[in-house]
């Protein structure tokens, strides 16, 4: 098992265990954007976060597509 396939398996298991704990926040992105624009403390926090986040381009990883498709959570049987 490669590091990528292990990570995808962990993500899939985590997603399943969190499904019942996650609550949808409708239009949360615009609320967050408004908070950042209107409150300096949120702006400063967003700038701190932006410096600690790194972008990973998965599409250039040779095994990504294969592992991604293998880890989709589609039913094993036809639905029709």
PDB file of N, CA and C in Angstrom:
ATOM      1  N   UNK A   1       0.848  -1.179   0.000  1.00  0.00           N
ATOM      2  CA  UNK A   1       0.000   0.000   0.000  1.00  0.00           C
ATOM      3  C   UNK A   1       0.891   1.239   0.000  1.00  0.00           C
ATOM      4  N   UNK A   2       0.631   2.119  -0.932  1.00  0.00           N
ATOM      5  CA  UNK A   2       1.411   3.354  -0.995  1.00  0.00           C
ATOM      6  C   UNK A   2       0.865   4.363   0.007  1.00  0.00           C
ATOM      7  N   UNK A   3       1.626   5.411   0.223  1.00  0.00           N
ATOM      8  CA  UNK A   3       1.189   6.458   1.150  1.00  0.00           C
ATOM      9  C   UNK A   3      -0.110   7.092   0.670  1.00  0.00           C
ATOM     10  N   UNK A   4      -0.239   7.272  -0.651  1.00  0.00           N
ATOM     11  CA  UNK A   4      -1.448   7.887  -1.195  1.00  0.00           C
ATOM     12  C   UNK A   4      -2.658   6.997  -0.975  1.00  0.00           C
ATOM     13  N   UNK A   5      -2.532   5.695  -1.260  1.00  0.00           N
ATOM     14  CA  UNK A   5      -3.686   4.814  -1.076  1.00  0.00           C
ATOM     15  C   UNK A   5      -4.055   4.710   0.393  1.00  0.00           C
ATOM     16  N   UNK A   6      -3.058   4.709   1.269  1.00  0.00           N
ATOM     17  CA  UNK A   6      -3.337   4.689   2.702  1.00  0.00           C
ATOM     18  C   UNK A   6      -4.072   5.938   3.138  1.00  0.00           C
ATOM     19  N   UNK A   7      -3.658   7.081   2.604  1.00  0.00           N
ATOM     20  CA  UNK A   7      -4.316   8.347   2.945  1.00  0.00           C
ATOM     21  C   UNK A   7      -5.757   8.369   2.457  1.00  0.00           C
ATOM     22  N   UNK A   8      -5.989   7.871   1.241  1.00  0.00           N
ATOM     23  CA  UNK A   8      -7.350   7.846   0.713  1.00  0.00           C
ATOM     24  C   UNK A   8      -8.239   6.913   1.519  1.00  0.00           C
ATOM     25  N   UNK A   9      -7.694   5.788   1.958  1.00  0.00           N
ATOM     26  CA  UNK A   9      -8.464   4.862   2.781  1.00  0.00           C
ATOM     27  C   UNK A   9      -8.839   5.511   4.107  1.00  0.00           C
ATOM     28  N   UNK A  10      -7.900   6.206   4.707  1.00  0.00           N
ATOM     29  CA  UNK A  10      -8.174   6.902   5.970  1.00  0.00           C
ATOM     30  C   UNK A  10      -9.233   7.977   5.759  1.00  0.00           C
ATOM     31  N   UNK A  11      -9.130   8.728   4.660  1.00  0.00           N
ATOM     32  CA  UNK A  11     -10.123   9.766   4.375  1.00  0.00           C
ATOM     33  C   UNK A  11     -11.510   9.169   4.195  1.00  0.00           C
ATOM     34  N   UNK A  12     -11.596   8.046   3.487  1.00  0.00           N
ATOM     35  CA  UNK A  12     -12.890   7.405   3.265  1.00  0.00           C
ATOM     36  C   UNK A  12     -13.491   6.940   4.586  1.00  0.00           C
ATOM     37  N   UNK A  13     -12.682   6.317   5.435  1.00  0.00           N
ATOM     38  CA  UNK A  13     -13.170   5.857   6.728  1.00  0.00           C
ATOM     39  C   UNK A  13     -13.576   7.035   7.603  1.00  0.00           C
ATOM     40  N   UNK A  14     -12.805   8.102   7.569  1.00  0.00           N
ATOM     41  CA  UNK A  14     -13.129   9.290   8.357  1.00  0.00           C
ATOM     42  C   UNK A  14     -14.436   9.907   7.885  1.00  0.00           C
ATOM     43  N   UNK A  15     -14.626   9.952   6.565  1.00  0.00           N
ATOM     44  CA  UNK A  15     -15.847  10.526   6.014  1.00  0.00           C
ATOM     45  C   UNK A  15     -17.063   9.732   6.473  1.00  0.00           C
ATOM     46  N   UNK A  16     -16.945   8.416   6.452  1.00  0.00           N
ATOM     47  CA  UNK A  16     -18.063   7.580   6.886  1.00  0.00           C
ATOM     48  C   UNK A  16     -18.392   7.811   8.357  1.00  0.00           C
ATOM     49  N   UNK A  17     -17.369   7.895   9.193  1.00  0.00           N
ATOM     50  CA  UNK A  17     -17.622   8.062  10.623  1.00  0.00           C
ATOM     51  C   UNK A  17     -18.138   9.457  10.956  1.00  0.00           C
ATOM     52  N   UNK A  18     -17.854  10.430  10.111  1.00  0.00           N
ATOM     53  CA  UNK A  18     -18.292  11.802  10.374  1.00  0.00           C
ATOM     54  C   UNK A  18     -19.638  12.147   9.751  1.00  0.00           C
ATOM     55  N   UNK A  19     -20.151  11.277   8.863  1.00  0.00           N
ATOM     56  CA  UNK A  19     -21.389  11.606   8.144  1.00  0.00           C
ATOM     57  C   UNK A  19     -22.517  12.032   9.074  1.00  0.00           C
ATOM     58  N   UNK A  20     -22.670  11.374  10.209  1.00  0.00           N
ATOM     59  CA  UNK A  20     -23.765  11.705  11.111  1.00  0.00           C
ATOM     60  C   UNK A  20     -23.439  12.912  11.986  1.00  0.00           C
ATOM     61  N   UNK A  21     -22.189  13.307  12.055  1.00  0.00           N
ATOM     62  CA  UNK A  21     -21.780  14.411  12.912  1.00  0.00           C
ATOM     63  C   UNK A  21     -21.702  15.742  12.173  1.00  0.00           C
ATOM     64  N   UNK A  22     -21.746  15.701  10.861  1.00  0.00           N
ATOM     65  CA  UNK A  22     -21.568  16.915  10.063  1.00  0.00           C
ATOM     66  C   UNK A  22     -22.913  17.581   9.809  1.00  0.00           C
ATOM     67  N   UNK A  23     -22.963  18.868  10.043  1.00  0.00           N
ATOM     68  CA  UNK A  23     -24.164  19.655   9.779  1.00  0.00           C
ATOM     69  C   UNK A  23     -23.845  20.644   8.661  1.00  0.00           C
ATOM     70  N   UNK A  24     -24.717  20.698   7.690  1.00  0.00           N
ATOM     71  CA  UNK A  24     -24.512  21.595   6.556  1.00  0.00           C
ATOM     72  C   UNK A  24     -24.709  23.046   6.980  1.00  0.00           C
ATOM     73  N   UNK A  25     -23.788  23.888   6.587  1.00  0.00           N
ATOM     74  CA  UNK A  25     -23.898  25.324   6.839  1.00  0.00           C
ATOM     75  C   UNK A  25     -24.165  26.001   5.506  1.00  0.00           C
ATOM     76  N   UNK A  26     -25.422  26.247   5.250  1.00  0.00           N
ATOM     77  CA  UNK A  26     -25.784  26.822   3.964  1.00  0.00           C
ATOM     78  C   UNK A  26     -25.178  28.209   3.802  1.00  0.00           C
ATOM     79  N   UNK A  27     -24.566  28.422   2.679  1.00  0.00           N
ATOM     80  CA  UNK A  27     -23.974  29.715   2.330  1.00  0.00           C
ATOM     81  C   UNK A  27     -22.874  30.142   3.306  1.00  0.00           C
ATOM     82  N   UNK A  28     -22.192  29.173   3.897  1.00  0.00           N
ATOM     83  CA  UNK A  28     -21.164  29.475   4.897  1.00  0.00           C
ATOM     84  C   UNK A  28     -20.008  30.269   4.297  1.00  0.00           C
ATOM     85  N   UNK A  29     -19.700  30.015   3.041  1.00  0.00           N
ATOM     86  CA  UNK A  29     -18.565  30.728   2.438  1.00  0.00           C
ATOM     87  C   UNK A  29     -18.810  32.229   2.384  1.00  0.00           C
ATOM     88  N   UNK A  30     -20.033  32.634   2.077  1.00  0.00           N
ATOM     89  CA  UNK A  30     -20.296  34.078   2.013  1.00  0.00           C
ATOM     90  C   UNK A  30     -20.350  34.689   3.411  1.00  0.00           C
ATOM     91  N   UNK A  31     -20.827  33.928   4.382  1.00  0.00           N
ATOM     92  CA  UNK A  31     -20.830  34.431   5.759  1.00  0.00           C
ATOM     93  C   UNK A  31     -19.397  34.595   6.251  1.00  0.00           C
ATOM     94  N   UNK A  32     -18.556  33.610   5.952  1.00  0.00           N
ATOM     95  CA  UNK A  32     -17.152  33.697   6.350  1.00  0.00           C
ATOM     96  C   UNK A  32     -16.445  34.844   5.655  1.00  0.00           C
ATOM     97  N   UNK A  33     -16.724  35.018   4.375  1.00  0.00           N
ATOM     98  CA  UNK A  33     -16.107  36.120   3.631  1.00  0.00           C
ATOM     99  C   UNK A  33     -16.541  37.464   4.205  1.00  0.00           C
ATOM    100  N   UNK A  34     -17.808  37.574   4.569  1.00  0.00           N
ATOM    101  CA  UNK A  34     -18.298  38.823   5.174  1.00  0.00           C
ATOM    102  C   UNK A  34     -17.602  39.095   6.495  1.00  0.00           C
ATOM    103  N   UNK A  35     -17.429  38.046   7.308  1.00  0.00           N
ATOM    104  CA  UNK A  35     -16.765  38.213   8.601  1.00  0.00           C
ATOM    105  C   UNK A  35     -15.331  38.687   8.411  1.00  0.00           C
ATOM    106  N   UNK A  36     -14.639  38.092   7.447  1.00  0.00           N
ATOM    107  CA  UNK A  36     -13.241  38.461   7.196  1.00  0.00           C
ATOM    108  C   UNK A  36     -13.140  39.905   6.729  1.00  0.00           C
ATOM    109  N   UNK A  37     -14.077  40.317   5.878  1.00  0.00           N
ATOM    110  CA  UNK A  37     -14.038  41.684   5.360  1.00  0.00           C
ATOM    111  C   UNK A  37     -14.426  42.728   6.407  1.00  0.00           C
ATOM    112  N   UNK A  38     -15.304  42.360   7.323  1.00  0.00           N
ATOM    113  CA  UNK A  38     -15.827  43.341   8.277  1.00  0.00           C
ATOM    114  C   UNK A  38     -15.077  43.400   9.601  1.00  0.00           C
ATOM    115  N   UNK A  39     -14.426  42.319  10.001  1.00  0.00           N
ATOM    116  CA  UNK A  39     -13.768  42.285  11.305  1.00  0.00           C
ATOM    117  C   UNK A  39     -12.274  42.048  11.146  1.00  0.00           C
ATOM    118  N   UNK A  40     -11.479  42.963  11.632  1.00  0.00           N
ATOM    119  CA  UNK A  40     -10.031  42.880  11.472  1.00  0.00           C
ATOM    120  C   UNK A  40      -9.448  41.630  12.128  1.00  0.00           C
ATOM    121  N   UNK A  41     -10.016  41.200  13.253  1.00  0.00           N
ATOM    122  CA  UNK A  41      -9.486  40.011  13.928  1.00  0.00           C
ATOM    123  C   UNK A  41      -9.636  38.767  13.052  1.00  0.00           C
ATOM    124  N   UNK A  42     -10.749  38.671  12.312  1.00  0.00           N
ATOM    125  CA  UNK A  42     -10.935  37.543  11.400  1.00  0.00           C
ATOM    126  C   UNK A  42      -9.979  37.649  10.209  1.00  0.00           C
ATOM    127  N   UNK A  43      -9.748  38.860   9.753  1.00  0.00           N
ATOM    128  CA  UNK A  43      -8.800  39.065   8.654  1.00  0.00           C
ATOM    129  C   UNK A  43      -7.406  38.609   9.072  1.00  0.00           C
ATOM    130  N   UNK A  44      -6.985  38.998  10.270  1.00  0.00           N
ATOM    131  CA  UNK A  44      -5.660  38.603  10.758  1.00  0.00           C
ATOM    132  C   UNK A  44      -5.563  37.087  10.906  1.00  0.00           C
ATOM    133  N   UNK A  45      -6.614  36.467  11.427  1.00  0.00           N
ATOM    134  CA  UNK A  45      -6.613  35.011  11.585  1.00  0.00           C
ATOM    135  C   UNK A  45      -6.559  34.330  10.221  1.00  0.00           C
ATOM    136  N   UNK A  46      -7.279  34.854   9.243  1.00  0.00           N
ATOM    137  CA  UNK A  46      -7.256  34.260   7.904  1.00  0.00           C
ATOM    138  C   UNK A  46      -5.875  34.379   7.268  1.00  0.00           C
ATOM    139  N   UNK A  47      -5.186  35.472   7.533  1.00  0.00           N
ATOM    140  CA  UNK A  47      -3.833  35.641   7.004  1.00  0.00           C
ATOM    141  C   UNK A  47      -2.870  34.655   7.664  1.00  0.00           C
ATOM    142  N   UNK A  48      -3.019  34.435   8.972  1.00  0.00           N
ATOM    143  CA  UNK A  48      -2.196  33.441   9.667  1.00  0.00           C
ATOM    144  C   UNK A  48      -2.433  32.052   9.082  1.00  0.00           C
ATOM    145  N   UNK A  49      -3.690  31.713   8.885  1.00  0.00           N
ATOM    146  CA  UNK A  49      -4.020  30.406   8.314  1.00  0.00           C
ATOM    147  C   UNK A  49      -3.462  30.250   6.903  1.00  0.00           C
ATOM    148  N   UNK A  50      -3.553  31.303   6.107  1.00  0.00           N
ATOM    149  CA  UNK A  50      -3.081  31.216   4.723  1.00  0.00           C
ATOM    150  C   UNK A  50      -1.582  30.939   4.648  1.00  0.00           C
ATOM    151  N   UNK A  51      -0.833  31.389   5.645  1.00  0.00           N
ATOM    152  CA  UNK A  51       0.609  31.130   5.651  1.00  0.00           C
ATOM    153  C   UNK A  51       0.937  29.694   6.065  1.00  0.00           C
ATOM    154  N   UNK A  52       0.004  29.024   6.729  1.00  0.00           N
ATOM    155  CA  UNK A  52       0.281  27.665   7.198  1.00  0.00           C
ATOM    156  C   UNK A  52      -0.293  26.585   6.277  1.00  0.00           C
ATOM    157  N   UNK A  53      -1.016  26.989   5.249  1.00  0.00           N
ATOM    158  CA  UNK A  53      -1.653  26.036   4.341  1.00  0.00           C
ATOM    159  C   UNK A  53      -0.796  25.868   3.095  1.00  0.00           C
ATOM    160  N   UNK A  54      -0.618  24.625   2.697  1.00  0.00           N
ATOM    161  CA  UNK A  54       0.121  24.377   1.457  1.00  0.00           C
ATOM    162  C   UNK A  54      -0.797  23.686   0.452  1.00  0.00           C
ATOM    163  N   UNK A  55      -0.614  24.010  -0.794  1.00  0.00           N
ATOM    164  CA  UNK A  55      -1.421  23.478  -1.885  1.00  0.00           C
ATOM    165  C   UNK A  55      -0.766  22.212  -2.413  1.00  0.00           C
ATOM    166  N   UNK A  56      -1.565  21.176  -2.600  1.00  0.00           N
ATOM    167  CA  UNK A  56      -1.060  19.916  -3.142  1.00  0.00           C
ATOM    168  C   UNK A  56      -1.865  19.603  -4.398  1.00  0.00           C
ATOM    169  N   UNK A  57      -1.199  19.511  -5.530  1.00  0.00           N
ATOM    170  CA  UNK A  57      -1.864  19.197  -6.797  1.00  0.00           C
ATOM    171  C   UNK A  57      -1.878  17.683  -6.969  1.00  0.00           C
ATOM    172  N   UNK A  58      -3.006  17.061  -6.649  1.00  0.00           N
ATOM    173  CA  UNK A  58      -3.098  15.606  -6.699  1.00  0.00           C
ATOM    174  C   UNK A  58      -3.148  15.066  -8.123  1.00  0.00           C
ATOM    175  N   UNK A  59      -3.632  15.851  -9.062  1.00  0.00           N
ATOM    176  CA  UNK A  59      -3.780  15.338 -10.424  1.00  0.00           C
ATOM    177  C   UNK A  59      -2.448  15.009 -11.087  1.00  0.00           C
ATOM    178  N   UNK A  60      -1.350  15.548 -10.583  1.00  0.00           N
ATOM    179  CA  UNK A  60      -0.047  15.224 -11.168  1.00  0.00           C
ATOM    180  C   UNK A  60       0.572  13.984 -10.523  1.00  0.00           C
ATOM    181  N   UNK A  61      -0.027  13.495  -9.459  1.00  0.00           N
ATOM    182  CA  UNK A  61       0.467  12.286  -8.810  1.00  0.00           C
ATOM    183  C   UNK A  61       0.051  11.094  -9.675  1.00  0.00           C
ATOM    184  N   UNK A  62       0.990  10.252 -10.084  1.00  0.00           N
ATOM    185  CA  UNK A  62       0.688   9.183 -11.043  1.00  0.00           C
ATOM    186  C   UNK A  62      -0.425   8.226 -10.614  1.00  0.00           C
ATOM    187  N   UNK A  63      -0.572   7.958  -9.339  1.00  0.00           N
ATOM    188  CA  UNK A  63      -1.553   6.972  -8.894  1.00  0.00           C
ATOM    189  C   UNK A  63      -2.857   7.593  -8.401  1.00  0.00           C
ATOM    190  N   UNK A  64      -2.956   8.900  -8.430  1.00  0.00           N
ATOM    191  CA  UNK A  64      -4.114   9.539  -7.804  1.00  0.00           C
ATOM    192  C   UNK A  64      -5.442   9.092  -8.406  1.00  0.00           C
ATOM    193  N   UNK A  65      -5.584   9.156  -9.725  1.00  0.00           N
ATOM    194  CA  UNK A  65      -6.862   8.833 -10.355  1.00  0.00           C
ATOM    195  C   UNK A  65      -7.297   7.416 -10.021  1.00  0.00           C
ATOM    196  N   UNK A  66      -6.380   6.482 -10.120  1.00  0.00           N
ATOM    197  CA  UNK A  66      -6.706   5.081  -9.819  1.00  0.00           C
ATOM    198  C   UNK A  66      -7.179   4.928  -8.372  1.00  0.00           C
ATOM    199  N   UNK A  67      -6.442   5.493  -7.439  1.00  0.00           N
ATOM    200  CA  UNK A  67      -6.814   5.374  -6.027  1.00  0.00           C
ATOM    201  C   UNK A  67      -8.097   6.135  -5.718  1.00  0.00           C
ATOM    202  N   UNK A  68      -8.279   7.265  -6.361  1.00  0.00           N
ATOM    203  CA  UNK A  68      -9.494   8.046  -6.143  1.00  0.00           C
ATOM    204  C   UNK A  68     -10.720   7.244  -6.562  1.00  0.00           C
ATOM    205  N   UNK A  69     -10.679   6.673  -7.751  1.00  0.00           N
ATOM    206  CA  UNK A  69     -11.808   5.892  -8.256  1.00  0.00           C
ATOM    207  C   UNK A  69     -12.033   4.652  -7.399  1.00  0.00           C
ATOM    208  N   UNK A  70     -10.961   3.982  -7.012  1.00  0.00           N
ATOM    209  CA  UNK A  70     -11.087   2.791  -6.167  1.00  0.00           C
ATOM    210  C   UNK A  70     -11.724   3.099  -4.819  1.00  0.00           C
ATOM    211  N   UNK A  71     -11.584   4.320  -4.348  1.00  0.00           N
ATOM    212  CA  UNK A  71     -12.081   4.674  -3.022  1.00  0.00           C
ATOM    213  C   UNK A  71     -13.385   5.457  -3.034  1.00  0.00           C
ATOM    214  N   UNK A  72     -14.005   5.599  -4.211  1.00  0.00           N
ATOM    215  CA  UNK A  72     -15.329   6.201  -4.250  1.00  0.00           C
ATOM    216  C   UNK A  72     -16.294   5.249  -3.559  1.00  0.00           C
ATOM    217  N   UNK A  73     -17.261   5.781  -2.885  1.00  0.00           N
ATOM    218  CA  UNK A  73     -18.149   4.962  -2.072  1.00  0.00           C
ATOM    219  C   UNK A  73     -19.459   4.665  -2.802  1.00  0.00           C
ATOM    220  N   UNK A  74     -19.360   4.121  -4.027  1.00  0.00           N
ATOM    221  CA  UNK A  74     -20.548   3.743  -4.767  1.00  0.00           C
ATOM    222  C   UNK A  74     -20.989   2.352  -4.335  1.00  0.00           C
ATOM    223  N   UNK A  75     -22.295   2.069  -4.401  1.00  0.00           N
ATOM    224  CA  UNK A  75     -22.754   0.721  -4.042  1.00  0.00           C
ATOM    225  C   UNK A  75     -22.194  -0.310  -5.017  1.00  0.00           C
ATOM    226  N   UNK A  76     -22.056  -1.525  -4.532  1.00  0.00           N
ATOM    227  CA  UNK A  76     -21.508  -2.598  -5.367  1.00  0.00           C
ATOM    228  C   UNK A  76     -22.520  -3.135  -6.369  1.00  0.00           C
ATOM    229  N   UNK A  77     -23.786  -2.837  -6.187  1.00  0.00           N
ATOM    230  CA  UNK A  77     -24.819  -3.344  -7.087  1.00  0.00           C
ATOM    231  C   UNK A  77     -25.415  -2.198  -7.884  1.00  0.00           C
ATOM    232  N   UNK A  78     -26.045  -2.563  -8.992  1.00  0.00           N
ATOM    233  CA  UNK A  78     -26.717  -1.557  -9.812  1.00  0.00           C
ATOM    234  C   UNK A  78     -27.936  -1.015  -9.080  1.00  0.00           C
ATOM    235  N   UNK A  79     -28.225   0.238  -9.281  1.00  0.00           N
ATOM    236  CA  UNK A  79     -29.357   0.865  -8.612  1.00  0.00           C
ATOM    237  C   UNK A  79     -30.639   0.786  -9.433  1.00  0.00           C
ATOM    238  N   UNK A  80     -30.558   0.311 -10.659  1.00  0.00           N
ATOM    239  CA  UNK A  80     -31.753   0.210 -11.491  1.00  0.00           C
ATOM    240  C   UNK A  80     -31.935  -1.184 -12.001  1.00  0.00           C
TER     241      UNK A  80
END
